[in-house]
Amino acid sequence: MTLKPILIAPLALLCLAGCSDNYFTPTGVTERKIELVETGYERAIDVSAISAGELAAIAQDYKRYGSNGLNLTISYDPSTSGSFSASDAMRKGSDLAAIMRNDHYVNNVRIAILPLKNTAPRLFVDYTQTQAHAPDGCGVAPGLDGKGANTEDKIENYEIGCSVKTLMAKQVYRPSDLAGTGASTSDYDGRRGIRNLQGTGYFDGVPNAPIEGGETATED
């Protein structure tokens, strides 16, 4: 009868040791955030090849990925034999900027001209692009990548939530929106708030009219 306490004590210590290891197991949920990457976008088009479709594509791409202004540079031939002068280039740039503003609602447009000898006039488009990517090394779950789910290493090292962030980075229309507005000085929200409150009594500085009519219940 005296052997039972002696055997039970070591078993209890082993159970407690196992519990202590599980208590400090790190989480498998990723804490990494979607990454925003800025790159420079550049494109050159012959002025003779500029079309409404080309301009619409440029505006659409800028409105989705662009930031810090759309730069339009028109080249011209500075030689005396050039048929497209500096004034022609400036006029063309002004026309293109007006199309961007009036037809495609891209307001932050800057134009410039560039002398290039013995070269047909060209339009150079450049701006800063912001794109969203999943955190580095944070891919989709095994089976969603089209490579099958029978890879033990991928399953063991997969961080829960990586698939959601990977797909979200691809689905967000304007990636720069993920950065938020921060300390924005825009008064847009203020104007919207005023419009919502107008005509609601005290918010206009005018008290509500007294309520008239109606009946009250009395006890017999």
N, C-alpha and C. Protein backbone atom coordinates (compact mmCIF):
# COMPACT_ATOMS: atom_id res chain seq x y z
N MET A 1 0.81 -1.21 0.00
CA MET A 1 0.00 0.00 0.00
C MET A 1 0.85 1.26 0.00
N THR A 2 2.05 1.19 0.47
CA THR A 2 2.90 2.39 0.55
C THR A 2 3.52 2.74 -0.78
N LEU A 3 3.39 1.87 -1.82
CA LEU A 3 4.02 2.15 -3.12
C LEU A 3 3.19 3.12 -3.95
N LYS A 4 1.88 3.23 -3.74
CA LYS A 4 1.02 4.06 -4.59
C LYS A 4 1.40 5.53 -4.56
N PRO A 5 1.60 6.17 -3.40
CA PRO A 5 1.99 7.59 -3.41
C PRO A 5 3.31 7.82 -4.12
N ILE A 6 4.23 6.86 -4.01
CA ILE A 6 5.55 7.02 -4.62
C ILE A 6 5.43 7.02 -6.14
N LEU A 7 4.51 6.22 -6.73
CA LEU A 7 4.33 6.15 -8.17
C LEU A 7 3.52 7.32 -8.70
N ILE A 8 2.56 7.77 -7.94
CA ILE A 8 1.67 8.84 -8.39
C ILE A 8 2.41 10.17 -8.48
N ALA A 9 3.32 10.45 -7.57
CA ALA A 9 4.02 11.74 -7.54
C ALA A 9 4.82 12.00 -8.81
N PRO A 10 5.64 11.06 -9.30
CA PRO A 10 6.38 11.31 -10.55
C PRO A 10 5.45 11.51 -11.75
N LEU A 11 4.34 10.76 -11.78
CA LEU A 11 3.40 10.93 -12.89
C LEU A 11 2.78 12.32 -12.89
N ALA A 12 2.47 12.84 -11.73
CA ALA A 12 1.88 14.17 -11.62
C ALA A 12 2.87 15.23 -12.09
N LEU A 13 4.16 15.05 -11.76
CA LEU A 13 5.17 16.01 -12.20
C LEU A 13 5.32 16.02 -13.71
N LEU A 14 5.23 14.84 -14.33
CA LEU A 14 5.33 14.75 -15.78
C LEU A 14 4.15 15.45 -16.46
N CYS A 15 2.96 15.31 -15.90
CA CYS A 15 1.78 15.97 -16.47
C CYS A 15 1.90 17.48 -16.39
N LEU A 16 2.39 17.97 -15.24
CA LEU A 16 2.55 19.41 -15.08
C LEU A 16 3.60 19.96 -16.04
N ALA A 17 4.67 19.20 -16.26
CA ALA A 17 5.71 19.63 -17.19
C ALA A 17 5.16 19.74 -18.60
N GLY A 18 4.32 18.79 -18.99
CA GLY A 18 3.72 18.83 -20.32
C GLY A 18 2.80 20.03 -20.48
N CYS A 19 2.05 20.35 -19.45
CA CYS A 19 1.15 21.50 -19.51
C CYS A 19 1.91 22.80 -19.63
N SER A 20 3.04 22.91 -18.95
CA SER A 20 3.81 24.15 -18.99
C SER A 20 4.36 24.41 -20.38
N ASP A 21 4.73 23.36 -21.11
CA ASP A 21 5.25 23.54 -22.47
C ASP A 21 4.15 24.05 -23.39
N ASN A 22 2.93 23.51 -23.29
CA ASN A 22 1.84 23.93 -24.16
C ASN A 22 1.39 25.35 -23.86
N TYR A 23 1.53 25.76 -22.64
CA TYR A 23 1.08 27.09 -22.25
C TYR A 23 1.84 28.17 -23.00
N PHE A 24 3.10 27.95 -23.30
CA PHE A 24 3.94 28.95 -23.95
C PHE A 24 4.08 28.71 -25.46
N THR A 25 3.21 27.90 -26.06
CA THR A 25 3.27 27.67 -27.50
C THR A 25 2.92 28.96 -28.25
N PRO A 26 3.74 29.42 -29.18
CA PRO A 26 3.45 30.68 -29.90
C PRO A 26 2.24 30.52 -30.81
N THR A 27 1.57 31.65 -31.12
CA THR A 27 0.39 31.62 -31.96
C THR A 27 0.75 31.28 -33.40
N GLY A 28 -0.18 30.66 -34.09
CA GLY A 28 0.02 30.34 -35.50
C GLY A 28 -0.62 31.36 -36.42
N VAL A 29 -1.23 32.41 -35.84
CA VAL A 29 -1.89 33.45 -36.63
C VAL A 29 -0.87 34.53 -36.99
N THR A 30 -0.79 34.88 -38.27
CA THR A 30 0.19 35.88 -38.69
C THR A 30 -0.17 37.26 -38.14
N GLU A 31 0.84 38.00 -37.77
CA GLU A 31 0.65 39.36 -37.29
C GLU A 31 1.20 40.37 -38.30
N ARG A 32 1.64 39.88 -39.44
CA ARG A 32 2.21 40.77 -40.46
C ARG A 32 1.11 41.43 -41.27
N LYS A 33 1.39 42.63 -41.78
CA LYS A 33 0.39 43.41 -42.51
C LYS A 33 0.69 43.41 -44.00
N ILE A 34 -0.35 43.74 -44.77
CA ILE A 34 -0.18 43.89 -46.21
C ILE A 34 0.83 44.99 -46.49
N GLU A 35 1.72 44.76 -47.43
CA GLU A 35 2.79 45.71 -47.73
C GLU A 35 2.40 46.58 -48.93
N LEU A 36 2.63 47.89 -48.80
CA LEU A 36 2.44 48.82 -49.90
C LEU A 36 3.80 49.17 -50.49
N VAL A 37 3.93 48.98 -51.80
CA VAL A 37 5.20 49.19 -52.47
C VAL A 37 5.03 50.28 -53.52
N GLU A 38 5.88 51.29 -53.48
CA GLU A 38 5.85 52.37 -54.46
C GLU A 38 6.92 52.15 -55.51
N THR A 39 6.53 52.28 -56.77
CA THR A 39 7.44 52.14 -57.89
C THR A 39 7.17 53.26 -58.89
N GLY A 40 8.12 53.50 -59.75
CA GLY A 40 7.94 54.50 -60.79
C GLY A 40 7.37 53.89 -62.05
N TYR A 41 6.34 54.52 -62.59
CA TYR A 41 5.73 54.05 -63.83
C TYR A 41 6.11 55.00 -64.96
N GLU A 42 6.57 54.46 -66.09
CA GLU A 42 6.94 55.28 -67.24
C GLU A 42 6.42 54.64 -68.52
N ARG A 43 6.00 55.49 -69.43
CA ARG A 43 5.51 55.02 -70.72
C ARG A 43 5.73 56.09 -71.77
N ALA A 44 6.08 55.69 -72.98
CA ALA A 44 6.30 56.63 -74.09
C ALA A 44 5.40 56.25 -75.25
N ILE A 45 4.75 57.26 -75.83
CA ILE A 45 3.84 57.05 -76.96
C ILE A 45 4.13 58.11 -78.02
N ASP A 46 4.18 57.73 -79.27
CA ASP A 46 4.30 58.71 -80.34
C ASP A 46 3.07 59.61 -80.33
N VAL A 47 3.30 60.90 -80.48
CA VAL A 47 2.17 61.84 -80.47
C VAL A 47 1.16 61.48 -81.55
N SER A 48 1.64 61.01 -82.68
CA SER A 48 0.75 60.64 -83.78
C SER A 48 -0.12 59.43 -83.44
N ALA A 49 0.29 58.65 -82.44
CA ALA A 49 -0.44 57.44 -82.07
C ALA A 49 -1.38 57.64 -80.88
N ILE A 50 -1.42 58.86 -80.33
CA ILE A 50 -2.29 59.12 -79.19
C ILE A 50 -3.75 59.04 -79.62
N SER A 51 -4.53 58.27 -78.88
CA SER A 51 -5.96 58.13 -79.20
C SER A 51 -6.77 58.29 -77.92
N ALA A 52 -8.07 58.38 -78.10
CA ALA A 52 -8.96 58.48 -76.93
C ALA A 52 -8.84 57.25 -76.05
N GLY A 53 -8.68 56.09 -76.67
CA GLY A 53 -8.53 54.86 -75.91
C GLY A 53 -7.25 54.84 -75.09
N GLU A 54 -6.15 55.33 -75.67
CA GLU A 54 -4.86 55.39 -74.96
C GLU A 54 -4.98 56.30 -73.74
N LEU A 55 -5.59 57.46 -73.92
CA LEU A 55 -5.72 58.41 -72.81
C LEU A 55 -6.63 57.85 -71.72
N ALA A 56 -7.70 57.16 -72.12
CA ALA A 56 -8.60 56.56 -71.13
C ALA A 56 -7.88 55.49 -70.32
N ALA A 57 -7.04 54.70 -70.98
CA ALA A 57 -6.30 53.65 -70.28
C ALA A 57 -5.30 54.25 -69.30
N ILE A 58 -4.63 55.33 -69.70
CA ILE A 58 -3.67 56.01 -68.81
C ILE A 58 -4.39 56.56 -67.59
N ALA A 59 -5.53 57.22 -67.82
CA ALA A 59 -6.29 57.80 -66.71
C ALA A 59 -6.80 56.73 -65.76
N GLN A 60 -7.31 55.64 -66.31
CA GLN A 60 -7.83 54.55 -65.47
C GLN A 60 -6.73 53.95 -64.61
N ASP A 61 -5.57 53.72 -65.20
CA ASP A 61 -4.45 53.14 -64.46
C ASP A 61 -3.97 54.09 -63.38
N TYR A 62 -3.92 55.39 -63.71
CA TYR A 62 -3.45 56.36 -62.72
C TYR A 62 -4.43 56.45 -61.55
N LYS A 63 -5.72 56.48 -61.85
CA LYS A 63 -6.71 56.60 -60.77
C LYS A 63 -6.69 55.40 -59.84
N ARG A 64 -6.25 54.26 -60.34
CA ARG A 64 -6.19 53.06 -59.50
C ARG A 64 -4.87 52.98 -58.73
N TYR A 65 -3.77 53.19 -59.41
CA TYR A 65 -2.46 52.97 -58.78
C TYR A 65 -1.65 54.25 -58.54
N GLY A 66 -2.02 55.35 -59.17
CA GLY A 66 -1.17 56.53 -59.15
C GLY A 66 -1.28 57.38 -57.90
N SER A 67 -0.24 58.16 -57.68
CA SER A 67 -0.22 59.13 -56.58
C SER A 67 0.82 60.20 -56.90
N ASN A 68 0.72 61.33 -56.23
CA ASN A 68 1.68 62.43 -56.35
C ASN A 68 1.65 63.13 -57.71
N GLY A 69 0.59 62.98 -58.46
CA GLY A 69 0.46 63.72 -59.70
C GLY A 69 0.84 62.94 -60.94
N LEU A 70 0.15 63.27 -62.04
CA LEU A 70 0.41 62.65 -63.34
C LEU A 70 1.24 63.61 -64.19
N ASN A 71 2.40 63.15 -64.62
CA ASN A 71 3.32 63.99 -65.41
C ASN A 71 3.22 63.64 -66.88
N LEU A 72 2.94 64.65 -67.71
CA LEU A 72 2.88 64.50 -69.16
C LEU A 72 3.95 65.39 -69.79
N THR A 73 4.90 64.76 -70.44
CA THR A 73 6.00 65.50 -71.09
C THR A 73 5.94 65.27 -72.59
N ILE A 74 5.92 66.38 -73.36
CA ILE A 74 5.87 66.31 -74.81
C ILE A 74 7.24 66.71 -75.37
N SER A 75 7.79 65.85 -76.22
CA SER A 75 9.08 66.18 -76.83
C SER A 75 8.87 66.92 -78.15
N TYR A 76 9.88 67.68 -78.55
CA TYR A 76 9.83 68.42 -79.81
C TYR A 76 11.25 68.48 -80.39
N ASP A 77 11.32 68.76 -81.67
CA ASP A 77 12.62 68.85 -82.36
C ASP A 77 13.08 70.31 -82.34
N PRO A 78 14.16 70.62 -81.62
CA PRO A 78 14.60 72.01 -81.52
C PRO A 78 15.31 72.53 -82.77
N SER A 79 15.60 71.66 -83.72
CA SER A 79 16.29 72.11 -84.93
C SER A 79 15.36 72.97 -85.78
N THR A 80 15.98 73.79 -86.63
CA THR A 80 15.19 74.71 -87.46
C THR A 80 14.30 73.97 -88.45
N SER A 81 14.70 72.73 -88.76
CA SER A 81 13.92 71.95 -89.72
C SER A 81 12.77 71.20 -89.06
N GLY A 82 12.69 71.27 -87.75
CA GLY A 82 11.65 70.55 -87.04
C GLY A 82 10.27 71.11 -87.33
N SER A 83 9.33 70.24 -87.62
CA SER A 83 7.96 70.68 -87.93
C SER A 83 7.08 70.77 -86.69
N PHE A 84 7.61 70.31 -85.57
CA PHE A 84 6.86 70.33 -84.30
C PHE A 84 7.69 71.13 -83.30
N SER A 85 7.32 72.37 -83.08
CA SER A 85 8.11 73.30 -82.28
C SER A 85 7.78 73.20 -80.79
N ALA A 86 8.51 74.01 -80.01
CA ALA A 86 8.28 74.04 -78.56
C ALA A 86 6.87 74.53 -78.26
N SER A 87 6.41 75.52 -79.00
CA SER A 87 5.06 76.03 -78.77
C SER A 87 4.01 74.98 -79.14
N ASP A 88 4.30 74.19 -80.19
CA ASP A 88 3.39 73.10 -80.54
C ASP A 88 3.32 72.07 -79.41
N ALA A 89 4.48 71.77 -78.83
CA ALA A 89 4.53 70.78 -77.74
C ALA A 89 3.77 71.28 -76.52
N MET A 90 3.93 72.56 -76.20
CA MET A 90 3.22 73.11 -75.03
C MET A 90 1.72 73.12 -75.27
N ARG A 91 1.33 73.45 -76.50
CA ARG A 91 -0.10 73.46 -76.83
C ARG A 91 -0.68 72.05 -76.74
N LYS A 92 0.08 71.08 -77.24
CA LYS A 92 -0.39 69.70 -77.18
C LYS A 92 -0.50 69.22 -75.74
N GLY A 93 0.48 69.57 -74.92
CA GLY A 93 0.43 69.18 -73.52
C GLY A 93 -0.77 69.78 -72.81
N SER A 94 -1.07 71.05 -73.11
CA SER A 94 -2.23 71.70 -72.49
C SER A 94 -3.53 71.02 -72.91
N ASP A 95 -3.61 70.64 -74.18
CA ASP A 95 -4.81 69.95 -74.66
C ASP A 95 -5.00 68.60 -73.97
N LEU A 96 -3.89 67.86 -73.82
CA LEU A 96 -3.97 66.54 -73.17
C LEU A 96 -4.34 66.68 -71.70
N ALA A 97 -3.77 67.68 -71.02
CA ALA A 97 -4.10 67.90 -69.61
C ALA A 97 -5.57 68.25 -69.45
N ALA A 98 -6.12 69.04 -70.38
CA ALA A 98 -7.53 69.40 -70.32
C ALA A 98 -8.42 68.17 -70.50
N ILE A 99 -8.02 67.26 -71.38
CA ILE A 99 -8.78 66.02 -71.58
C ILE A 99 -8.76 65.18 -70.30
N MET A 100 -7.60 65.10 -69.69
CA MET A 100 -7.49 64.32 -68.45
C MET A 100 -8.38 64.89 -67.35
N ARG A 101 -8.42 66.22 -67.26
CA ARG A 101 -9.20 66.85 -66.20
C ARG A 101 -10.71 66.80 -66.49
N ASN A 102 -11.07 67.15 -67.71
CA ASN A 102 -12.49 67.30 -68.03
C ASN A 102 -13.19 65.98 -68.36
N ASP A 103 -12.48 65.09 -69.03
CA ASP A 103 -13.11 63.83 -69.46
C ASP A 103 -12.87 62.67 -68.50
N HIS A 104 -11.73 62.70 -67.80
CA HIS A 104 -11.37 61.56 -66.96
C HIS A 104 -11.20 61.93 -65.49
N TYR A 105 -11.42 63.19 -65.13
CA TYR A 105 -11.42 63.63 -63.74
C TYR A 105 -10.09 63.37 -63.03
N VAL A 106 -9.01 63.49 -63.77
CA VAL A 106 -7.67 63.44 -63.19
C VAL A 106 -7.19 64.89 -63.09
N ASN A 107 -7.22 65.45 -61.89
CA ASN A 107 -6.97 66.88 -61.73
C ASN A 107 -5.51 67.25 -61.52
N ASN A 108 -4.76 66.37 -60.88
CA ASN A 108 -3.37 66.69 -60.56
C ASN A 108 -2.47 66.31 -61.74
N VAL A 109 -2.50 67.14 -62.78
CA VAL A 109 -1.74 66.88 -64.00
C VAL A 109 -0.69 67.97 -64.19
N ARG A 110 0.54 67.55 -64.44
CA ARG A 110 1.62 68.50 -64.71
C ARG A 110 2.14 68.26 -66.13
N ILE A 111 2.38 69.34 -66.87
CA ILE A 111 2.89 69.20 -68.23
C ILE A 111 4.27 69.84 -68.34
N ALA A 112 5.06 69.31 -69.27
CA ALA A 112 6.40 69.83 -69.53
C ALA A 112 6.75 69.52 -70.97
N ILE A 113 7.78 70.19 -71.47
CA ILE A 113 8.25 69.91 -72.83
C ILE A 113 9.72 69.51 -72.78
N LEU A 114 10.15 68.75 -73.78
CA LEU A 114 11.50 68.19 -73.78
C LEU A 114 12.08 68.26 -75.20
N PRO A 115 13.22 68.94 -75.39
CA PRO A 115 13.83 69.00 -76.72
C PRO A 115 14.59 67.72 -77.06
N LEU A 116 14.27 67.12 -78.19
CA LEU A 116 14.95 65.93 -78.68
C LEU A 116 15.21 66.09 -80.17
N LYS A 117 16.47 66.21 -80.54
CA LYS A 117 16.81 66.44 -81.95
C LYS A 117 16.55 65.21 -82.81
N ASN A 118 16.09 65.49 -84.02
CA ASN A 118 15.88 64.45 -85.04
C ASN A 118 15.02 63.29 -84.53
N THR A 119 14.05 63.62 -83.74
CA THR A 119 13.16 62.60 -83.18
C THR A 119 11.72 63.03 -83.34
N ALA A 120 10.86 62.12 -83.74
CA ALA A 120 9.44 62.44 -83.87
C ALA A 120 8.88 62.78 -82.49
N PRO A 121 7.94 63.70 -82.42
CA PRO A 121 7.39 64.10 -81.12
C PRO A 121 6.75 62.91 -80.39
N ARG A 122 7.02 62.85 -79.10
CA ARG A 122 6.51 61.75 -78.29
C ARG A 122 5.90 62.28 -77.00
N LEU A 123 5.01 61.49 -76.45
CA LEU A 123 4.42 61.78 -75.14
C LEU A 123 5.04 60.82 -74.13
N PHE A 124 5.62 61.40 -73.07
CA PHE A 124 6.21 60.60 -71.98
C PHE A 124 5.30 60.73 -70.76
N VAL A 125 4.81 59.61 -70.30
CA VAL A 125 3.92 59.58 -69.14
C VAL A 125 4.68 58.97 -67.96
N ASP A 126 4.64 59.62 -66.83
CA ASP A 126 5.25 59.03 -65.64
C ASP A 126 4.53 59.49 -64.38
N TYR A 127 4.51 58.60 -63.41
CA TYR A 127 3.93 58.89 -62.10
C TYR A 127 4.35 57.80 -61.13
N THR A 128 4.06 58.02 -59.86
CA THR A 128 4.39 57.05 -58.82
C THR A 128 3.23 56.08 -58.67
N GLN A 129 3.54 54.79 -58.75
CA GLN A 129 2.54 53.76 -58.57
C GLN A 129 2.62 53.17 -57.16
N THR A 130 1.48 52.91 -56.58
CA THR A 130 1.41 52.22 -55.29
C THR A 130 0.66 50.91 -55.48
N GLN A 131 1.33 49.81 -55.16
CA GLN A 131 0.71 48.50 -55.31
C GLN A 131 0.76 47.76 -53.98
N ALA A 132 -0.24 46.90 -53.77
CA ALA A 132 -0.33 46.13 -52.53
C ALA A 132 0.15 44.71 -52.77
N HIS A 133 0.93 44.21 -51.82
CA HIS A 133 1.44 42.85 -51.89
C HIS A 133 1.24 42.17 -50.53
N ALA A 134 1.12 40.87 -50.57
CA ALA A 134 1.08 40.12 -49.32
C ALA A 134 2.42 40.28 -48.60
N PRO A 135 2.45 40.16 -47.27
CA PRO A 135 3.72 40.23 -46.55
C PRO A 135 4.74 39.25 -47.13
N ASP A 136 5.98 39.62 -47.12
CA ASP A 136 7.05 38.78 -47.69
C ASP A 136 7.06 37.41 -47.03
N GLY A 137 6.98 36.37 -47.85
CA GLY A 137 6.99 35.01 -47.34
C GLY A 137 5.66 34.54 -46.79
N CYS A 138 4.62 35.35 -46.97
CA CYS A 138 3.29 35.02 -46.44
C CYS A 138 2.39 34.68 -47.62
N GLY A 139 2.39 33.42 -48.03
CA GLY A 139 1.63 33.01 -49.20
C GLY A 139 0.29 32.42 -48.85
N VAL A 140 -0.38 31.89 -49.86
CA VAL A 140 -1.70 31.30 -49.63
C VAL A 140 -1.54 29.92 -49.01
N ALA A 141 -2.63 29.42 -48.47
CA ALA A 141 -2.61 28.12 -47.81
C ALA A 141 -2.36 27.02 -48.83
N PRO A 142 -1.72 25.94 -48.40
CA PRO A 142 -1.51 24.80 -49.31
C PRO A 142 -2.84 24.33 -49.89
N GLY A 143 -2.87 24.15 -51.20
CA GLY A 143 -4.09 23.76 -51.87
C GLY A 143 -4.71 24.91 -52.64
N LEU A 144 -4.50 26.16 -52.16
CA LEU A 144 -5.01 27.34 -52.87
C LEU A 144 -4.03 27.86 -53.91
N ASP A 145 -2.80 27.36 -53.85
CA ASP A 145 -1.78 27.82 -54.79
C ASP A 145 -1.72 26.99 -56.05
N GLY A 146 -2.63 26.01 -56.17
CA GLY A 146 -2.66 25.17 -57.35
C GLY A 146 -1.59 24.11 -57.40
N LYS A 147 -0.85 23.93 -56.31
CA LYS A 147 0.24 22.96 -56.28
C LYS A 147 -0.08 21.75 -55.41
N GLY A 148 -1.31 21.67 -54.93
CA GLY A 148 -1.68 20.54 -54.09
C GLY A 148 -1.43 20.81 -52.63
N ALA A 149 -2.07 20.02 -51.78
CA ALA A 149 -1.97 20.23 -50.34
C ALA A 149 -1.15 19.17 -49.64
N ASN A 150 -0.43 18.36 -50.39
CA ASN A 150 0.31 17.25 -49.79
C ASN A 150 1.77 17.62 -49.53
N THR A 151 1.99 18.81 -49.06
CA THR A 151 3.35 19.24 -48.73
C THR A 151 3.41 19.53 -47.24
N GLU A 152 4.03 18.62 -46.49
CA GLU A 152 4.03 18.75 -45.03
C GLU A 152 4.73 20.02 -44.58
N ASP A 153 5.79 20.40 -45.28
CA ASP A 153 6.54 21.59 -44.86
C ASP A 153 5.67 22.84 -44.97
N LYS A 154 4.88 22.95 -46.05
CA LYS A 154 4.02 24.12 -46.21
C LYS A 154 2.94 24.15 -45.15
N ILE A 155 2.36 23.00 -44.86
CA ILE A 155 1.30 22.95 -43.86
C ILE A 155 1.84 23.29 -42.48
N GLU A 156 3.02 22.78 -42.17
CA GLU A 156 3.59 23.00 -40.84
C GLU A 156 3.98 24.45 -40.63
N ASN A 157 4.50 25.12 -41.67
CA ASN A 157 5.00 26.49 -41.53
C ASN A 157 4.01 27.55 -41.97
N TYR A 158 2.82 27.15 -42.37
CA TYR A 158 1.84 28.14 -42.83
C TYR A 158 1.33 28.99 -41.68
N GLU A 159 1.24 30.29 -41.90
CA GLU A 159 0.72 31.21 -40.90
C GLU A 159 -0.74 31.50 -41.21
N ILE A 160 -1.59 31.24 -40.25
CA ILE A 160 -3.03 31.43 -40.44
C ILE A 160 -3.31 32.91 -40.73
N GLY A 161 -4.06 33.15 -41.77
CA GLY A 161 -4.41 34.53 -42.15
C GLY A 161 -3.66 35.01 -43.38
N CYS A 162 -2.61 34.28 -43.79
CA CYS A 162 -1.83 34.70 -44.95
C CYS A 162 -2.67 34.65 -46.22
N SER A 163 -3.53 33.66 -46.34
CA SER A 163 -4.36 33.55 -47.55
C SER A 163 -5.27 34.76 -47.68
N VAL A 164 -5.88 35.17 -46.57
CA VAL A 164 -6.80 36.31 -46.59
C VAL A 164 -6.06 37.57 -47.02
N LYS A 165 -4.88 37.79 -46.46
CA LYS A 165 -4.14 39.01 -46.79
C LYS A 165 -3.61 38.97 -48.22
N THR A 166 -3.25 37.79 -48.70
CA THR A 166 -2.78 37.67 -50.08
C THR A 166 -3.90 38.01 -51.05
N LEU A 167 -5.08 37.46 -50.81
CA LEU A 167 -6.21 37.71 -51.70
C LEU A 167 -6.73 39.14 -51.57
N MET A 168 -6.70 39.69 -50.37
CA MET A 168 -7.14 41.07 -50.18
C MET A 168 -6.23 42.03 -50.93
N ALA A 169 -4.93 41.78 -50.92
CA ALA A 169 -3.99 42.65 -51.62
C ALA A 169 -4.29 42.69 -53.11
N LYS A 170 -4.81 41.59 -53.66
CA LYS A 170 -5.14 41.54 -55.08
C LYS A 170 -6.49 42.17 -55.39
N GLN A 171 -7.39 42.20 -54.40
CA GLN A 171 -8.76 42.63 -54.66
C GLN A 171 -9.00 44.12 -54.43
N VAL A 172 -8.19 44.75 -53.60
CA VAL A 172 -8.39 46.17 -53.30
C VAL A 172 -8.18 46.98 -54.57
N TYR A 173 -9.18 47.78 -54.96
CA TYR A 173 -9.10 48.50 -56.24
C TYR A 173 -8.00 49.56 -56.20
N ARG A 174 -7.99 50.37 -55.17
CA ARG A 174 -6.97 51.43 -55.05
C ARG A 174 -6.09 51.11 -53.85
N PRO A 175 -4.94 50.49 -54.07
CA PRO A 175 -4.09 50.03 -52.96
C PRO A 175 -3.71 51.12 -51.96
N SER A 176 -3.51 52.35 -52.42
CA SER A 176 -3.09 53.41 -51.49
C SER A 176 -4.14 53.68 -50.42
N ASP A 177 -5.40 53.27 -50.64
CA ASP A 177 -6.44 53.45 -49.63
C ASP A 177 -6.13 52.65 -48.37
N LEU A 178 -5.33 51.58 -48.50
CA LEU A 178 -4.99 50.77 -47.34
C LEU A 178 -4.14 51.54 -46.33
N ALA A 179 -3.51 52.62 -46.79
CA ALA A 179 -2.68 53.42 -45.89
C ALA A 179 -3.54 54.33 -45.02
N GLY A 180 -4.83 54.48 -45.34
CA GLY A 180 -5.70 55.36 -44.57
C GLY A 180 -5.44 56.82 -44.90
N THR A 181 -6.17 57.70 -44.22
CA THR A 181 -6.03 59.13 -44.47
C THR A 181 -5.07 59.79 -43.50
N GLY A 182 -4.77 59.14 -42.36
CA GLY A 182 -3.85 59.73 -41.39
C GLY A 182 -4.35 61.07 -40.90
N ALA A 183 -3.43 62.02 -40.79
CA ALA A 183 -3.78 63.37 -40.33
C ALA A 183 -4.19 64.22 -41.51
N SER A 184 -5.24 63.80 -42.20
CA SER A 184 -5.69 64.50 -43.39
C SER A 184 -6.25 65.86 -43.03
N THR A 185 -5.93 66.85 -43.86
CA THR A 185 -6.44 68.20 -43.63
C THR A 185 -7.67 68.47 -44.48
N SER A 186 -8.14 67.48 -45.20
CA SER A 186 -9.31 67.67 -46.06
C SER A 186 -10.54 67.95 -45.22
N ASP A 187 -11.37 68.87 -45.72
CA ASP A 187 -12.59 69.19 -44.99
C ASP A 187 -13.79 68.48 -45.58
N TYR A 188 -13.51 67.42 -46.35
CA TYR A 188 -14.62 66.69 -47.00
C TYR A 188 -15.60 66.15 -45.96
N ASP A 189 -15.08 65.49 -44.92
CA ASP A 189 -15.96 64.91 -43.91
C ASP A 189 -16.76 65.98 -43.20
N GLY A 190 -16.15 67.15 -42.99
CA GLY A 190 -16.85 68.24 -42.34
C GLY A 190 -18.01 68.74 -43.18
N ARG A 191 -17.77 68.92 -44.48
CA ARG A 191 -18.84 69.39 -45.36
C ARG A 191 -19.96 68.36 -45.43
N ARG A 192 -19.60 67.09 -45.48
CA ARG A 192 -20.62 66.06 -45.55
C ARG A 192 -21.45 66.05 -44.27
N GLY A 193 -20.78 66.25 -43.12
CA GLY A 193 -21.50 66.28 -41.86
C GLY A 193 -22.48 67.43 -41.79
N ILE A 194 -22.08 68.60 -42.30
CA ILE A 194 -22.97 69.75 -42.28
C ILE A 194 -24.20 69.49 -43.15
N ARG A 195 -23.99 68.89 -44.32
CA ARG A 195 -25.13 68.60 -45.19
C ARG A 195 -26.10 67.65 -44.51
N ASN A 196 -25.58 66.68 -43.77
CA ASN A 196 -26.44 65.71 -43.11
C ASN A 196 -27.24 66.33 -41.98
N LEU A 197 -26.70 67.39 -41.37
CA LEU A 197 -27.34 67.99 -40.21
C LEU A 197 -28.27 69.14 -40.57
N GLN A 198 -28.11 69.71 -41.77
CA GLN A 198 -28.96 70.83 -42.14
C GLN A 198 -30.43 70.42 -42.18
N GLY A 199 -31.27 71.29 -41.64
CA GLY A 199 -32.70 71.01 -41.63
C GLY A 199 -33.13 70.12 -40.49
N THR A 200 -32.28 69.99 -39.46
CA THR A 200 -32.63 69.11 -38.34
C THR A 200 -32.77 69.90 -37.04
N GLY A 201 -33.34 71.11 -37.13
CA GLY A 201 -33.67 71.83 -35.90
C GLY A 201 -32.49 72.52 -35.25
N TYR A 202 -32.15 72.13 -34.05
CA TYR A 202 -31.14 72.83 -33.28
C TYR A 202 -29.79 72.89 -33.97
N PHE A 203 -29.51 71.93 -34.86
CA PHE A 203 -28.23 71.95 -35.54
C PHE A 203 -28.14 73.12 -36.52
N ASP A 204 -29.28 73.73 -36.89
CA ASP A 204 -29.28 74.92 -37.74
C ASP A 204 -29.26 76.20 -36.91
N GLY A 205 -29.26 76.08 -35.59
CA GLY A 205 -29.32 77.26 -34.74
C GLY A 205 -30.74 77.74 -34.50
N VAL A 206 -31.72 76.96 -34.93
CA VAL A 206 -33.13 77.34 -34.77
C VAL A 206 -33.83 76.24 -33.99
N PRO A 207 -34.52 76.60 -32.88
CA PRO A 207 -35.20 75.56 -32.10
C PRO A 207 -36.30 74.88 -32.90
N ASN A 208 -36.57 73.65 -32.55
CA ASN A 208 -37.69 72.94 -33.17
C ASN A 208 -39.00 73.62 -32.80
N ALA A 209 -39.94 73.57 -33.70
CA ALA A 209 -41.27 74.14 -33.40
C ALA A 209 -41.95 73.32 -32.32
N PRO A 210 -42.73 73.97 -31.47
CA PRO A 210 -43.42 73.21 -30.41
C PRO A 210 -44.39 72.20 -31.00
N ILE A 211 -44.52 71.08 -30.32
CA ILE A 211 -45.42 70.02 -30.77
C ILE A 211 -46.83 70.37 -30.31
N GLU A 212 -47.74 70.39 -31.25
CA GLU A 212 -49.11 70.75 -30.94
C GLU A 212 -50.04 69.56 -31.22
N GLY A 213 -51.22 69.63 -30.61
CA GLY A 213 -52.20 68.57 -30.85
C GLY A 213 -51.90 67.35 -30.00
N GLY A 214 -52.58 66.31 -30.29
CA GLY A 214 -52.39 65.08 -29.54
C GLY A 214 -53.33 65.02 -28.34
N GLU A 215 -53.39 63.89 -27.70
CA GLU A 215 -54.27 63.69 -26.55
C GLU A 215 -53.49 63.10 -25.40
N THR A 216 -53.94 63.34 -24.19
CA THR A 216 -53.33 62.76 -23.01
C THR A 216 -54.34 61.86 -22.33
N ALA A 217 -53.85 60.84 -21.72
CA ALA A 217 -54.73 59.90 -21.02
C ALA A 217 -54.86 60.30 -19.56
N THR A 218 -56.08 60.29 -19.00
CA THR A 218 -56.32 60.61 -17.60
C THR A 218 -57.06 59.47 -16.95
N GLU A 219 -56.85 59.37 -15.69
CA GLU A 219 -57.52 58.32 -14.95
C GLU A 219 -58.89 58.78 -14.52
N ASP A 220 -59.90 57.94 -14.58
CA ASP A 220 -61.26 58.28 -14.13
C ASP A 220 -61.31 58.31 -12.62
